[in-house]
N, C-alpha and C. Protein backbone atom coordinates (compact mmCIF):
# COMPACT_ATOMS: atom_id res chain seq x y z
N MET A 1 2.68 -1.19 -22.75
CA MET A 1 2.15 -1.08 -21.38
C MET A 1 2.75 0.13 -20.70
N ARG A 2 1.99 0.72 -19.81
CA ARG A 2 2.47 1.87 -19.08
C ARG A 2 1.91 1.84 -17.65
N ILE A 3 2.64 2.48 -16.75
CA ILE A 3 2.20 2.60 -15.36
C ILE A 3 1.79 4.05 -15.11
N GLU A 4 0.64 4.22 -14.52
CA GLU A 4 0.11 5.56 -14.22
C GLU A 4 -0.27 5.63 -12.75
N MET A 5 -0.18 6.84 -12.17
CA MET A 5 -0.55 7.05 -10.77
C MET A 5 -1.51 8.22 -10.68
N TYR A 6 -2.52 8.06 -9.82
CA TYR A 6 -3.55 9.07 -9.69
C TYR A 6 -3.92 9.29 -8.23
N GLY A 7 -4.28 10.54 -7.91
CA GLY A 7 -4.93 10.80 -6.64
C GLY A 7 -6.38 10.36 -6.70
N GLU A 8 -6.98 10.52 -7.86
CA GLU A 8 -8.35 10.06 -8.09
C GLU A 8 -8.41 9.48 -9.50
N LEU A 9 -8.79 8.24 -9.61
CA LEU A 9 -8.79 7.58 -10.92
C LEU A 9 -9.82 8.20 -11.85
N PRO A 10 -9.47 8.42 -13.13
CA PRO A 10 -10.46 8.84 -14.12
C PRO A 10 -11.55 7.78 -14.27
N GLY A 11 -12.68 8.19 -14.75
CA GLY A 11 -13.86 7.33 -14.79
C GLY A 11 -13.66 5.96 -15.37
N ALA A 12 -13.07 5.86 -16.59
CA ALA A 12 -12.93 4.57 -17.26
C ALA A 12 -12.00 3.64 -16.48
N LEU A 13 -10.92 4.19 -15.96
CA LEU A 13 -10.01 3.37 -15.17
C LEU A 13 -10.64 2.99 -13.83
N ARG A 14 -11.37 3.92 -13.25
CA ARG A 14 -12.00 3.65 -11.95
C ARG A 14 -12.98 2.49 -12.06
N VAL A 15 -13.76 2.44 -13.11
CA VAL A 15 -14.72 1.36 -13.29
C VAL A 15 -14.00 0.01 -13.35
N GLN A 16 -12.90 -0.04 -14.10
CA GLN A 16 -12.16 -1.30 -14.22
C GLN A 16 -11.52 -1.72 -12.89
N VAL A 17 -10.90 -0.77 -12.21
CA VAL A 17 -10.23 -1.09 -10.95
C VAL A 17 -11.24 -1.51 -9.90
N GLU A 18 -12.34 -0.82 -9.81
CA GLU A 18 -13.37 -1.19 -8.82
C GLU A 18 -13.90 -2.59 -9.11
N ALA A 19 -14.05 -2.93 -10.38
CA ALA A 19 -14.53 -4.28 -10.72
C ALA A 19 -13.53 -5.34 -10.27
N LEU A 20 -12.24 -5.08 -10.47
CA LEU A 20 -11.21 -6.03 -10.04
C LEU A 20 -11.18 -6.14 -8.52
N GLN A 21 -11.29 -5.02 -7.84
CA GLN A 21 -11.28 -5.03 -6.37
C GLN A 21 -12.51 -5.73 -5.81
N ASP A 22 -13.65 -5.45 -6.39
CA ASP A 22 -14.87 -6.06 -5.89
C ASP A 22 -14.90 -7.57 -6.14
N GLU A 23 -14.22 -8.00 -7.20
CA GLU A 23 -14.12 -9.44 -7.44
C GLU A 23 -13.19 -10.08 -6.42
N ALA A 24 -12.09 -9.39 -6.11
CA ALA A 24 -11.12 -9.94 -5.16
C ALA A 24 -11.63 -9.88 -3.72
N TRP A 25 -12.32 -8.79 -3.38
CA TRP A 25 -12.84 -8.60 -2.03
C TRP A 25 -14.32 -8.23 -2.14
N PRO A 26 -15.18 -9.23 -2.30
CA PRO A 26 -16.61 -8.95 -2.52
C PRO A 26 -17.18 -8.02 -1.46
N PRO A 27 -17.85 -6.95 -1.90
CA PRO A 27 -18.41 -5.98 -0.95
C PRO A 27 -19.68 -6.50 -0.31
N GLU A 28 -20.03 -5.87 0.78
CA GLU A 28 -21.30 -6.19 1.43
C GLU A 28 -22.36 -5.26 0.87
N GLY A 29 -23.45 -5.82 0.40
CA GLY A 29 -24.51 -5.00 -0.18
C GLY A 29 -24.04 -4.36 -1.47
N GLU A 30 -24.37 -3.09 -1.66
CA GLU A 30 -24.01 -2.38 -2.88
C GLU A 30 -22.74 -1.55 -2.72
N ALA A 31 -22.17 -1.55 -1.54
CA ALA A 31 -20.96 -0.77 -1.32
C ALA A 31 -19.81 -1.35 -2.14
N THR A 32 -18.90 -0.49 -2.58
CA THR A 32 -17.74 -0.94 -3.32
C THR A 32 -16.51 -0.81 -2.45
N TYR A 33 -15.45 -1.50 -2.84
CA TYR A 33 -14.21 -1.45 -2.08
C TYR A 33 -13.70 -0.02 -2.04
N GLY A 34 -13.21 0.43 -0.91
CA GLY A 34 -12.72 1.80 -0.82
C GLY A 34 -11.82 2.01 0.38
N HIS A 35 -11.25 3.21 0.47
CA HIS A 35 -10.31 3.54 1.53
C HIS A 35 -10.76 4.77 2.30
N ASP A 36 -10.20 4.92 3.49
CA ASP A 36 -10.41 6.10 4.30
C ASP A 36 -9.68 7.27 3.63
N PRO A 37 -10.39 8.36 3.27
CA PRO A 37 -9.71 9.49 2.61
C PRO A 37 -8.64 10.14 3.50
N LEU A 38 -8.71 9.94 4.82
CA LEU A 38 -7.69 10.50 5.70
C LEU A 38 -6.32 9.85 5.47
N LEU A 39 -6.31 8.69 4.81
CA LEU A 39 -5.06 8.00 4.51
C LEU A 39 -4.50 8.42 3.15
N ARG A 40 -5.09 9.44 2.54
CA ARG A 40 -4.61 10.04 1.30
C ARG A 40 -4.30 9.01 0.22
N PRO A 41 -5.24 8.15 -0.12
CA PRO A 41 -4.94 7.08 -1.07
C PRO A 41 -4.53 7.59 -2.45
N ARG A 42 -3.58 6.88 -3.05
CA ARG A 42 -3.19 7.06 -4.44
C ARG A 42 -3.36 5.72 -5.13
N SER A 43 -3.72 5.75 -6.37
CA SER A 43 -3.89 4.51 -7.14
C SER A 43 -2.81 4.42 -8.20
N MET A 44 -2.23 3.23 -8.33
CA MET A 44 -1.30 2.95 -9.41
C MET A 44 -1.89 1.85 -10.28
N VAL A 45 -1.80 2.03 -11.58
CA VAL A 45 -2.36 1.05 -12.51
C VAL A 45 -1.35 0.74 -13.61
N LEU A 46 -1.33 -0.52 -14.00
CA LEU A 46 -0.57 -0.95 -15.17
C LEU A 46 -1.59 -1.17 -16.28
N VAL A 47 -1.45 -0.42 -17.35
CA VAL A 47 -2.46 -0.38 -18.41
C VAL A 47 -1.83 -0.81 -19.72
N ASP A 48 -2.56 -1.62 -20.50
CA ASP A 48 -2.04 -2.01 -21.81
C ASP A 48 -2.36 -0.95 -22.85
N ALA A 49 -1.97 -1.20 -24.09
CA ALA A 49 -2.13 -0.20 -25.15
C ALA A 49 -3.59 0.11 -25.45
N ASP A 50 -4.49 -0.80 -25.09
CA ASP A 50 -5.92 -0.59 -25.33
C ASP A 50 -6.63 0.04 -24.14
N GLY A 51 -5.87 0.39 -23.11
CA GLY A 51 -6.48 1.00 -21.94
C GLY A 51 -7.05 0.02 -20.94
N ARG A 52 -6.73 -1.26 -21.10
CA ARG A 52 -7.21 -2.27 -20.16
C ARG A 52 -6.28 -2.32 -18.95
N VAL A 53 -6.85 -2.31 -17.76
CA VAL A 53 -6.07 -2.39 -16.54
C VAL A 53 -5.61 -3.83 -16.33
N LEU A 54 -4.30 -4.04 -16.33
CA LEU A 54 -3.75 -5.37 -16.12
C LEU A 54 -3.48 -5.64 -14.65
N ALA A 55 -3.12 -4.60 -13.91
CA ALA A 55 -2.86 -4.72 -12.47
C ALA A 55 -3.07 -3.37 -11.83
N ALA A 56 -3.39 -3.40 -10.55
CA ALA A 56 -3.64 -2.15 -9.83
C ALA A 56 -3.25 -2.34 -8.36
N LEU A 57 -2.90 -1.24 -7.73
CA LEU A 57 -2.68 -1.24 -6.29
C LEU A 57 -2.93 0.16 -5.78
N ASP A 58 -3.10 0.26 -4.48
CA ASP A 58 -3.27 1.56 -3.84
C ASP A 58 -2.15 1.79 -2.85
N LEU A 59 -1.78 3.04 -2.69
CA LEU A 59 -0.82 3.46 -1.68
C LEU A 59 -1.56 4.27 -0.63
N LEU A 60 -1.31 3.99 0.64
CA LEU A 60 -1.93 4.70 1.74
C LEU A 60 -0.83 5.33 2.59
N PHE A 61 -1.15 6.46 3.22
CA PHE A 61 -0.14 7.24 3.92
C PHE A 61 -0.64 7.69 5.29
N LYS A 62 0.25 7.72 6.25
CA LYS A 62 -0.07 8.30 7.55
C LYS A 62 1.23 8.53 8.32
N THR A 63 1.13 9.33 9.37
CA THR A 63 2.25 9.52 10.28
C THR A 63 2.18 8.41 11.32
N LEU A 64 3.28 7.70 11.44
CA LEU A 64 3.38 6.56 12.33
C LEU A 64 4.19 6.95 13.56
N HIS A 65 3.72 6.55 14.73
CA HIS A 65 4.45 6.77 15.97
C HIS A 65 5.03 5.43 16.42
N HIS A 66 6.36 5.36 16.43
CA HIS A 66 7.02 4.10 16.79
C HIS A 66 8.38 4.38 17.42
N ALA A 67 8.68 3.65 18.48
CA ALA A 67 9.97 3.75 19.18
C ALA A 67 10.26 5.19 19.60
N GLY A 68 9.21 5.89 20.03
CA GLY A 68 9.38 7.25 20.53
C GLY A 68 9.59 8.30 19.47
N GLU A 69 9.40 7.94 18.20
CA GLU A 69 9.61 8.88 17.10
C GLU A 69 8.40 8.89 16.17
N GLN A 70 8.32 9.94 15.36
CA GLN A 70 7.31 10.01 14.30
C GLN A 70 7.98 9.66 12.98
N TRP A 71 7.22 8.91 12.15
CA TRP A 71 7.73 8.47 10.86
C TRP A 71 6.68 8.71 9.79
N ARG A 72 7.10 9.24 8.66
CA ARG A 72 6.20 9.37 7.52
C ARG A 72 6.13 8.01 6.82
N ALA A 73 4.99 7.37 6.96
CA ALA A 73 4.86 5.99 6.51
C ALA A 73 3.88 5.84 5.36
N ALA A 74 4.09 4.81 4.57
CA ALA A 74 3.17 4.46 3.49
C ALA A 74 3.10 2.95 3.41
N GLY A 75 2.04 2.46 2.79
CA GLY A 75 1.89 1.03 2.63
C GLY A 75 1.12 0.69 1.37
N LEU A 76 1.34 -0.52 0.88
CA LEU A 76 0.59 -1.03 -0.25
C LEU A 76 -0.73 -1.62 0.22
N SER A 77 -1.73 -1.48 -0.61
CA SER A 77 -3.04 -2.04 -0.30
C SER A 77 -3.73 -2.42 -1.61
N ALA A 78 -4.63 -3.37 -1.52
CA ALA A 78 -5.49 -3.74 -2.65
C ALA A 78 -4.70 -4.06 -3.91
N VAL A 79 -3.65 -4.86 -3.77
CA VAL A 79 -2.86 -5.26 -4.93
C VAL A 79 -3.62 -6.36 -5.67
N VAL A 80 -3.90 -6.13 -6.94
CA VAL A 80 -4.74 -7.06 -7.68
C VAL A 80 -4.30 -7.09 -9.14
N THR A 81 -4.41 -8.26 -9.75
CA THR A 81 -4.09 -8.44 -11.17
C THR A 81 -5.32 -8.98 -11.88
N HIS A 82 -5.53 -8.52 -13.09
CA HIS A 82 -6.66 -9.00 -13.88
C HIS A 82 -6.54 -10.52 -14.04
N PRO A 83 -7.63 -11.27 -13.81
CA PRO A 83 -7.55 -12.73 -13.88
C PRO A 83 -6.96 -13.26 -15.18
N ALA A 84 -7.25 -12.60 -16.29
CA ALA A 84 -6.77 -13.08 -17.58
C ALA A 84 -5.31 -12.73 -17.84
N ALA A 85 -4.72 -11.94 -16.94
CA ALA A 85 -3.34 -11.48 -17.16
C ALA A 85 -2.39 -11.96 -16.06
N ARG A 86 -2.82 -12.92 -15.26
CA ARG A 86 -1.98 -13.38 -14.16
C ARG A 86 -0.86 -14.29 -14.66
N GLY A 87 0.20 -14.36 -13.85
CA GLY A 87 1.33 -15.21 -14.19
C GLY A 87 2.29 -14.61 -15.19
N ARG A 88 2.17 -13.33 -15.47
CA ARG A 88 3.03 -12.68 -16.45
C ARG A 88 3.94 -11.61 -15.83
N GLY A 89 3.93 -11.50 -14.50
CA GLY A 89 4.80 -10.54 -13.84
C GLY A 89 4.25 -9.14 -13.72
N HIS A 90 2.98 -8.95 -14.09
CA HIS A 90 2.42 -7.60 -14.05
C HIS A 90 2.32 -7.08 -12.61
N GLY A 91 1.84 -7.92 -11.70
CA GLY A 91 1.72 -7.49 -10.32
C GLY A 91 3.07 -7.17 -9.70
N ARG A 92 4.07 -8.00 -9.98
CA ARG A 92 5.40 -7.74 -9.44
C ARG A 92 5.95 -6.43 -9.99
N ARG A 93 5.76 -6.20 -11.28
CA ARG A 93 6.24 -4.95 -11.88
C ARG A 93 5.60 -3.74 -11.21
N LEU A 94 4.32 -3.84 -10.90
CA LEU A 94 3.64 -2.70 -10.28
C LEU A 94 4.09 -2.51 -8.84
N ALA A 95 4.25 -3.60 -8.08
CA ALA A 95 4.71 -3.48 -6.70
C ALA A 95 6.13 -2.93 -6.65
N GLU A 96 6.93 -3.27 -7.63
CA GLU A 96 8.29 -2.74 -7.71
C GLU A 96 8.25 -1.25 -8.04
N ALA A 97 7.36 -0.85 -8.95
CA ALA A 97 7.23 0.56 -9.32
C ALA A 97 6.73 1.39 -8.14
N ALA A 98 5.87 0.81 -7.34
CA ALA A 98 5.38 1.54 -6.16
C ALA A 98 6.53 1.79 -5.19
N ARG A 99 7.35 0.77 -4.96
CA ARG A 99 8.50 0.95 -4.08
C ARG A 99 9.44 2.02 -4.62
N THR A 100 9.69 2.00 -5.91
CA THR A 100 10.57 3.00 -6.52
C THR A 100 10.01 4.41 -6.38
N ALA A 101 8.71 4.56 -6.60
CA ALA A 101 8.08 5.87 -6.47
C ALA A 101 8.20 6.41 -5.05
N LEU A 102 8.02 5.52 -4.06
CA LEU A 102 8.16 5.95 -2.67
C LEU A 102 9.61 6.31 -2.37
N ALA A 103 10.54 5.51 -2.87
CA ALA A 103 11.96 5.77 -2.60
C ALA A 103 12.43 7.06 -3.25
N GLU A 104 11.94 7.34 -4.44
CA GLU A 104 12.40 8.51 -5.18
C GLU A 104 11.58 9.76 -4.88
N GLY A 105 10.52 9.61 -4.09
CA GLY A 105 9.71 10.77 -3.74
C GLY A 105 8.93 11.33 -4.90
N THR A 106 8.44 10.46 -5.77
CA THR A 106 7.70 10.93 -6.95
C THR A 106 6.20 10.70 -6.85
N VAL A 107 5.71 10.36 -5.66
CA VAL A 107 4.27 10.22 -5.48
C VAL A 107 3.65 11.61 -5.50
N PRO A 108 2.70 11.85 -6.41
CA PRO A 108 2.17 13.21 -6.55
C PRO A 108 1.29 13.63 -5.37
N PRO A 109 1.20 14.95 -5.14
CA PRO A 109 0.26 15.43 -4.12
C PRO A 109 -1.16 15.13 -4.54
N ASP A 110 -2.10 15.41 -3.64
CA ASP A 110 -3.48 15.01 -3.92
C ASP A 110 -4.23 15.97 -4.82
N GLY A 111 -3.57 17.04 -5.27
CA GLY A 111 -4.22 17.95 -6.20
C GLY A 111 -5.10 18.99 -5.56
N ARG A 112 -5.09 19.08 -4.24
CA ARG A 112 -5.96 20.05 -3.58
C ARG A 112 -5.36 21.45 -3.50
N ASP A 113 -4.10 21.58 -3.86
CA ASP A 113 -3.44 22.88 -3.84
C ASP A 113 -3.66 23.56 -5.18
N PRO A 114 -4.53 24.58 -5.26
CA PRO A 114 -4.86 25.19 -6.55
C PRO A 114 -3.67 25.90 -7.19
N SER A 115 -2.62 26.21 -6.40
CA SER A 115 -1.46 26.90 -6.96
C SER A 115 -0.60 25.96 -7.80
N GLY A 116 -0.78 24.65 -7.60
CA GLY A 116 0.04 23.70 -8.32
C GLY A 116 1.44 23.58 -7.79
N ARG A 117 1.71 24.17 -6.62
CA ARG A 117 3.07 24.14 -6.07
C ARG A 117 3.24 23.10 -4.97
N ALA A 118 2.24 22.26 -4.75
CA ALA A 118 2.33 21.28 -3.69
C ALA A 118 3.48 20.31 -3.95
N GLU A 119 4.18 19.96 -2.90
CA GLU A 119 5.32 19.05 -3.02
C GLU A 119 4.82 17.60 -3.12
N PRO A 120 5.59 16.75 -3.78
CA PRO A 120 5.24 15.32 -3.78
C PRO A 120 5.22 14.77 -2.35
N VAL A 121 4.55 13.67 -2.16
CA VAL A 121 4.44 13.06 -0.84
C VAL A 121 5.78 12.45 -0.45
N ALA A 122 6.33 12.89 0.68
CA ALA A 122 7.61 12.37 1.15
C ALA A 122 7.36 11.24 2.15
N VAL A 123 8.08 10.14 1.99
CA VAL A 123 7.89 8.97 2.82
C VAL A 123 9.25 8.50 3.34
N GLU A 124 9.27 8.06 4.60
CA GLU A 124 10.50 7.52 5.17
C GLU A 124 10.47 5.99 5.24
N VAL A 125 9.32 5.44 5.57
CA VAL A 125 9.20 4.02 5.83
C VAL A 125 8.00 3.46 5.05
N GLY A 126 8.22 2.33 4.40
CA GLY A 126 7.11 1.60 3.78
C GLY A 126 6.82 0.36 4.60
N LEU A 127 5.56 0.15 4.96
CA LEU A 127 5.17 -0.99 5.78
C LEU A 127 3.81 -1.51 5.32
N PHE A 128 3.67 -2.81 5.25
CA PHE A 128 2.35 -3.40 5.00
C PHE A 128 2.43 -4.88 5.34
N THR A 129 1.29 -5.52 5.42
CA THR A 129 1.25 -6.95 5.67
C THR A 129 0.75 -7.68 4.42
N CYS A 130 1.11 -8.95 4.35
CA CYS A 130 0.58 -9.79 3.28
C CYS A 130 0.46 -11.21 3.82
N ASP A 131 -0.30 -12.04 3.13
CA ASP A 131 -0.35 -13.45 3.49
C ASP A 131 1.05 -14.03 3.36
N ARG A 132 1.39 -14.95 4.23
CA ARG A 132 2.74 -15.51 4.25
C ARG A 132 3.14 -16.06 2.88
N GLY A 133 2.20 -16.65 2.18
CA GLY A 133 2.51 -17.22 0.88
C GLY A 133 2.87 -16.21 -0.19
N LEU A 134 2.58 -14.93 0.07
CA LEU A 134 2.89 -13.88 -0.91
C LEU A 134 4.19 -13.16 -0.62
N ALA A 135 4.86 -13.51 0.48
CA ALA A 135 6.09 -12.81 0.85
C ALA A 135 7.14 -12.91 -0.25
N ARG A 136 7.24 -14.07 -0.88
CA ARG A 136 8.23 -14.24 -1.94
C ARG A 136 7.94 -13.30 -3.11
N PHE A 137 6.68 -13.13 -3.43
CA PHE A 137 6.27 -12.22 -4.50
C PHE A 137 6.77 -10.80 -4.21
N TYR A 138 6.55 -10.32 -2.99
CA TYR A 138 6.96 -8.96 -2.66
C TYR A 138 8.47 -8.83 -2.51
N ARG A 139 9.13 -9.87 -2.04
CA ARG A 139 10.59 -9.82 -1.99
C ARG A 139 11.17 -9.66 -3.40
N ALA A 140 10.56 -10.34 -4.37
CA ALA A 140 11.01 -10.23 -5.75
C ALA A 140 10.82 -8.82 -6.30
N ALA A 141 9.90 -8.07 -5.69
CA ALA A 141 9.64 -6.70 -6.11
C ALA A 141 10.45 -5.68 -5.31
N GLY A 142 11.39 -6.18 -4.48
CA GLY A 142 12.29 -5.27 -3.77
C GLY A 142 11.93 -4.96 -2.34
N TRP A 143 10.84 -5.52 -1.84
CA TRP A 143 10.45 -5.31 -0.46
C TRP A 143 11.13 -6.35 0.43
N ALA A 144 11.34 -6.00 1.69
CA ALA A 144 12.01 -6.91 2.62
C ALA A 144 11.02 -7.42 3.65
N GLU A 145 11.18 -8.68 4.02
CA GLU A 145 10.36 -9.24 5.08
C GLU A 145 10.97 -8.86 6.43
N LEU A 146 10.16 -8.27 7.31
CA LEU A 146 10.62 -7.87 8.63
C LEU A 146 10.28 -9.00 9.60
N GLY A 147 11.21 -9.90 9.75
CA GLY A 147 10.96 -11.10 10.53
C GLY A 147 10.51 -10.82 11.95
N GLY A 148 9.43 -11.46 12.34
CA GLY A 148 8.93 -11.34 13.70
C GLY A 148 8.15 -10.08 13.99
N SER A 149 7.99 -9.20 13.00
CA SER A 149 7.28 -7.94 13.25
C SER A 149 5.78 -8.11 13.04
N VAL A 150 5.03 -7.37 13.83
CA VAL A 150 3.57 -7.40 13.79
C VAL A 150 3.07 -5.97 13.59
N LEU A 151 2.21 -5.77 12.61
CA LEU A 151 1.54 -4.48 12.48
C LEU A 151 0.23 -4.54 13.26
N VAL A 152 0.03 -3.52 14.08
CA VAL A 152 -1.21 -3.45 14.86
C VAL A 152 -2.10 -2.41 14.19
N GLY A 153 -3.17 -2.88 13.57
CA GLY A 153 -4.08 -2.00 12.87
C GLY A 153 -5.24 -1.57 13.75
N GLY A 154 -6.32 -1.15 13.09
CA GLY A 154 -7.48 -0.67 13.83
C GLY A 154 -7.18 0.65 14.52
N THR A 155 -7.56 0.75 15.76
CA THR A 155 -7.33 1.94 16.57
C THR A 155 -6.75 1.50 17.91
N PRO A 156 -6.16 2.42 18.66
CA PRO A 156 -5.67 2.03 20.00
C PRO A 156 -6.76 1.45 20.88
N GLU A 157 -7.99 1.95 20.70
CA GLU A 157 -9.11 1.44 21.50
C GLU A 157 -9.61 0.09 20.99
N GLU A 158 -9.50 -0.14 19.68
CA GLU A 158 -9.93 -1.40 19.07
C GLU A 158 -8.82 -1.91 18.15
N PRO A 159 -7.75 -2.45 18.74
CA PRO A 159 -6.61 -2.88 17.91
C PRO A 159 -6.96 -4.09 17.05
N PHE A 160 -6.29 -4.17 15.92
CA PHE A 160 -6.49 -5.24 14.94
C PHE A 160 -5.11 -5.72 14.49
N PRO A 161 -4.47 -6.59 15.29
CA PRO A 161 -3.08 -6.98 15.00
C PRO A 161 -2.97 -8.02 13.90
N SER A 162 -1.85 -8.00 13.22
CA SER A 162 -1.64 -8.94 12.12
C SER A 162 -1.33 -10.34 12.59
N ASP A 163 -1.12 -10.53 13.90
CA ASP A 163 -0.91 -11.89 14.43
C ASP A 163 -2.14 -12.41 15.16
N ARG A 164 -3.30 -11.85 14.86
CA ARG A 164 -4.51 -12.31 15.51
C ARG A 164 -4.82 -13.75 15.09
N ALA A 165 -5.62 -14.42 15.87
CA ALA A 165 -5.97 -15.82 15.59
C ALA A 165 -6.60 -15.95 14.21
N GLY A 166 -6.16 -16.95 13.48
CA GLY A 166 -6.70 -17.19 12.15
C GLY A 166 -5.94 -16.50 11.04
N PHE A 167 -5.04 -15.58 11.39
CA PHE A 167 -4.23 -14.90 10.39
C PHE A 167 -2.91 -15.63 10.23
N ASP A 168 -2.35 -15.56 9.03
CA ASP A 168 -0.99 -16.04 8.79
C ASP A 168 -0.31 -14.98 7.94
N LYS A 169 0.00 -13.86 8.58
CA LYS A 169 0.53 -12.69 7.91
C LYS A 169 2.01 -12.50 8.20
N VAL A 170 2.69 -11.84 7.28
CA VAL A 170 4.04 -11.36 7.52
C VAL A 170 4.05 -9.87 7.23
N THR A 171 5.02 -9.19 7.82
CA THR A 171 5.16 -7.75 7.62
C THR A 171 6.29 -7.49 6.64
N MET A 172 5.99 -6.71 5.62
CA MET A 172 6.97 -6.32 4.62
C MET A 172 7.33 -4.85 4.82
N GLY A 173 8.56 -4.49 4.47
CA GLY A 173 8.97 -3.11 4.69
C GLY A 173 10.05 -2.65 3.73
N ALA A 174 10.27 -1.34 3.75
CA ALA A 174 11.35 -0.70 3.01
C ALA A 174 11.67 0.60 3.74
N PHE A 175 12.93 1.02 3.65
CA PHE A 175 13.40 2.19 4.39
C PHE A 175 14.06 3.14 3.41
N PHE A 176 13.51 4.35 3.32
CA PHE A 176 13.83 5.23 2.20
C PHE A 176 14.74 6.40 2.54
N THR A 177 15.05 6.62 3.79
CA THR A 177 15.93 7.72 4.18
C THR A 177 17.04 7.18 5.07
N ASP A 178 18.10 7.96 5.22
CA ASP A 178 19.19 7.54 6.11
C ASP A 178 18.69 7.33 7.52
N ARG A 179 17.83 8.23 7.98
CA ARG A 179 17.27 8.11 9.33
C ARG A 179 16.51 6.81 9.48
N ALA A 180 15.69 6.49 8.49
CA ALA A 180 14.90 5.27 8.55
C ALA A 180 15.78 4.03 8.45
N ARG A 181 16.77 4.05 7.57
CA ARG A 181 17.64 2.89 7.43
C ARG A 181 18.40 2.62 8.73
N ALA A 182 18.81 3.68 9.42
CA ALA A 182 19.51 3.50 10.69
C ALA A 182 18.59 2.90 11.75
N ALA A 183 17.29 3.15 11.61
CA ALA A 183 16.32 2.67 12.60
C ALA A 183 15.72 1.33 12.23
N ARG A 184 16.18 0.72 11.17
CA ARG A 184 15.59 -0.55 10.74
C ARG A 184 15.52 -1.58 11.87
N PRO A 185 16.54 -1.73 12.72
CA PRO A 185 16.43 -2.72 13.80
C PRO A 185 15.23 -2.47 14.72
N LEU A 186 14.78 -1.22 14.81
CA LEU A 186 13.63 -0.91 15.67
C LEU A 186 12.32 -1.42 15.07
N PHE A 187 12.34 -1.73 13.78
CA PHE A 187 11.15 -2.20 13.09
C PHE A 187 11.17 -3.72 12.87
N THR A 188 12.22 -4.37 13.35
CA THR A 188 12.35 -5.81 13.19
C THR A 188 12.05 -6.51 14.50
N SER A 189 11.27 -7.59 14.44
CA SER A 189 10.81 -8.30 15.65
C SER A 189 10.15 -7.32 16.61
N ALA A 190 9.29 -6.48 16.07
CA ALA A 190 8.65 -5.42 16.85
C ALA A 190 7.15 -5.43 16.62
N ARG A 191 6.42 -4.93 17.59
CA ARG A 191 5.00 -4.65 17.41
C ARG A 191 4.89 -3.17 17.04
N ILE A 192 4.33 -2.91 15.88
CA ILE A 192 4.31 -1.56 15.31
C ILE A 192 2.88 -1.08 15.29
N GLY A 193 2.59 -0.04 16.04
CA GLY A 193 1.24 0.49 16.12
C GLY A 193 0.90 1.35 14.92
N LEU A 194 0.38 0.73 13.89
CA LEU A 194 0.02 1.45 12.67
C LEU A 194 -1.25 2.26 12.85
N TYR A 195 -2.29 1.64 13.39
CA TYR A 195 -3.57 2.28 13.71
C TYR A 195 -4.12 3.14 12.57
N PRO A 196 -4.43 2.52 11.42
CA PRO A 196 -4.97 3.30 10.30
C PRO A 196 -6.46 3.63 10.42
N GLY A 197 -7.14 3.07 11.44
CA GLY A 197 -8.54 3.41 11.63
C GLY A 197 -9.46 2.21 11.48
N THR A 198 -10.73 2.50 11.31
CA THR A 198 -11.75 1.44 11.28
C THR A 198 -12.18 1.04 9.88
N ILE A 199 -11.71 1.76 8.85
CA ILE A 199 -12.05 1.40 7.47
C ILE A 199 -10.94 0.51 6.89
N ASP A 200 -9.75 1.03 6.85
CA ASP A 200 -8.59 0.24 6.44
C ASP A 200 -7.92 -0.29 7.70
N ARG A 201 -8.52 -1.28 8.28
CA ARG A 201 -8.06 -1.71 9.60
C ARG A 201 -6.63 -2.25 9.59
N LEU A 202 -6.24 -2.84 8.49
CA LEU A 202 -4.89 -3.38 8.38
C LEU A 202 -4.51 -3.35 6.91
N TRP A 203 -3.70 -2.35 6.53
CA TRP A 203 -3.41 -2.26 5.10
C TRP A 203 -2.30 -3.21 4.72
């Protein structure tokens, strides 16, 4: 098995990942699951020796404004495991690898720099929400639960908070720089205006 990361998935992998995503989050009409390109999505896949995708997730990126400061933020999205491969730790391994890649600054650029000199994506803070029942899964992968924190998605004009009625979400996080680690208390028991837009309303 191997873990691979892409700015744009190659055709064979893309077909498999889209099928897994569409099964997990059935699309409306003929549209397939997707992300806002402004969030610079990257895909991570865990692939077996035969090229079968066992697990996949996406990383999304944006500049976050919180507590009077700007933060280079990233989050996990669309974490999914192949139904026939569940219960074997594949999803945890991939979520752990994503955290490591963000911490070590090894997330590749999007490939739009023809010189090939583009720097890897630098991130200070990792933030995302998950169903409360999945918090233990992400803690096992090295992410921390930010008790009492709420991510506010959508847009400032049309907010989409993670504590809205009918949701039972928790906020998970990680802090990758000295500056971010020192500011961790500002991200705990806080309302954090993520505002990723109208496509990925709450990653």
